[in-house]
Amino acid sequence: MVDRLAPVIRDLRSKLGLTQEEFAHALGITVSTVNRWEKGHSMPSKLARASLSRFAGRRGVAVESLLGDVDAGVVPISSSTN
């Protein structure tokens, strides 16, 4: 599960155009936490995944299944076009 979520987090941050430091600051976490998530060394908690999903949604990036079961398959990321 960690291996599937790592690229989702990296892609989300990249799509938002944020550095790891900016991303961490916006979420109220440490840079090392973002780094561990992106390298697949650890996985965000359910609460952190909910925060990630809300954070992305407020910035127009839909992250389907980030709150749900990551084992279900690939987690698509798409930009909203409004």
Protein backbone atom coordinates (compact mmCIF):
# COMPACT_ATOMS: atom_id res chain seq x y z
CA MET A 1 0.00 0.00 0.00
CA VAL A 2 2.83 2.41 0.84
CA ASP A 3 4.38 1.83 -2.58
CA ARG A 4 1.14 2.82 -4.30
CA LEU A 5 0.58 5.95 -2.24
CA ALA A 6 4.13 7.36 -2.54
CA PRO A 7 3.82 8.38 -6.22
CA VAL A 8 0.34 9.79 -5.57
CA ILE A 9 1.71 12.16 -2.93
CA ARG A 10 4.69 13.10 -5.10
CA ASP A 11 2.43 13.72 -8.12
CA LEU A 12 0.01 15.77 -6.02
CA ARG A 13 2.79 17.99 -4.72
CA SER A 14 4.25 18.35 -8.19
CA LYS A 15 0.86 19.16 -9.72
CA LEU A 16 0.41 21.88 -7.08
CA GLY A 17 3.83 23.28 -7.96
CA LEU A 18 5.11 23.09 -4.39
CA THR A 19 8.48 22.14 -2.95
CA GLN A 20 8.56 19.55 -0.20
CA GLU A 21 9.14 22.39 2.25
CA GLU A 22 6.15 24.41 0.99
CA PHE A 23 3.94 21.31 0.94
CA ALA A 24 4.95 20.38 4.49
CA HIS A 25 4.36 23.90 5.77
CA ALA A 26 0.91 24.07 4.14
CA LEU A 27 -0.08 20.77 5.77
CA GLY A 28 1.50 21.52 9.14
CA ILE A 29 3.93 18.61 8.99
CA THR A 30 7.70 18.28 8.74
CA VAL A 31 9.68 18.13 5.51
CA SER A 32 11.10 14.79 6.60
CA THR A 33 7.56 13.41 6.85
CA VAL A 34 6.80 14.48 3.28
CA ASN A 35 10.10 12.97 2.17
CA ARG A 36 9.35 9.65 3.91
CA TRP A 37 5.87 9.54 2.33
CA GLU A 38 7.22 10.25 -1.15
CA LYS A 39 9.98 7.64 -0.83
CA GLY A 40 7.53 5.05 0.46
CA HIS A 41 9.25 4.69 3.83
CA SER A 42 6.05 5.51 5.68
CA MET A 43 2.41 6.15 4.91
CA PRO A 44 0.14 9.01 5.94
CA SER A 45 -2.39 8.16 8.62
CA LYS A 46 -6.07 8.15 7.78
CA LEU A 47 -6.34 11.65 9.25
CA ALA A 48 -3.36 12.85 7.19
CA ARG A 49 -4.87 11.34 4.01
CA ALA A 50 -8.10 13.25 4.74
CA SER A 51 -6.09 16.46 5.15
CA LEU A 52 -4.25 15.79 1.90
CA SER A 53 -7.52 15.24 0.07
CA ARG A 54 -9.07 18.46 1.43
CA PHE A 55 -5.89 20.40 0.72
CA ALA A 56 -5.84 19.18 -2.89
CA GLY A 57 -9.55 19.84 -3.35
CA ARG A 58 -9.23 23.44 -2.18
CA ARG A 59 -6.58 23.90 -4.87
CA GLY A 60 -8.62 22.33 -7.66
CA VAL A 61 -6.89 18.95 -7.76
CA ALA A 62 -9.12 15.92 -7.30
CA VAL A 63 -7.46 12.98 -5.59
CA GLU A 64 -9.91 10.12 -5.85
CA SER A 65 -9.59 7.31 -3.32
CA LEU A 66 -6.97 9.06 -1.21
CA LEU A 67 -9.32 8.75 1.75
CA GLY A 68 -10.40 5.27 0.85
CA ASP A 69 -8.77 1.96 0.23
CA VAL A 70 -5.45 2.52 -1.55
CA ASP A 71 -5.20 -1.24 -2.10
CA ALA A 72 -8.06 -1.02 -4.62
CA GLY A 73 -5.67 0.06 -7.35
CA VAL A 74 -4.13 3.12 -8.90
CA VAL A 75 -5.19 6.44 -7.40
CA PRO A 76 -5.82 8.88 -10.24
CA ILE A 77 -5.02 12.55 -9.89
CA SER A 78 -6.72 15.07 -12.12
CA SER A 79 -6.86 18.84 -12.29
CA SER A 80 -10.23 20.50 -12.28
CA THR A 81 -10.88 22.80 -15.17
CA ASN A 82 -13.20 25.56 -14.04
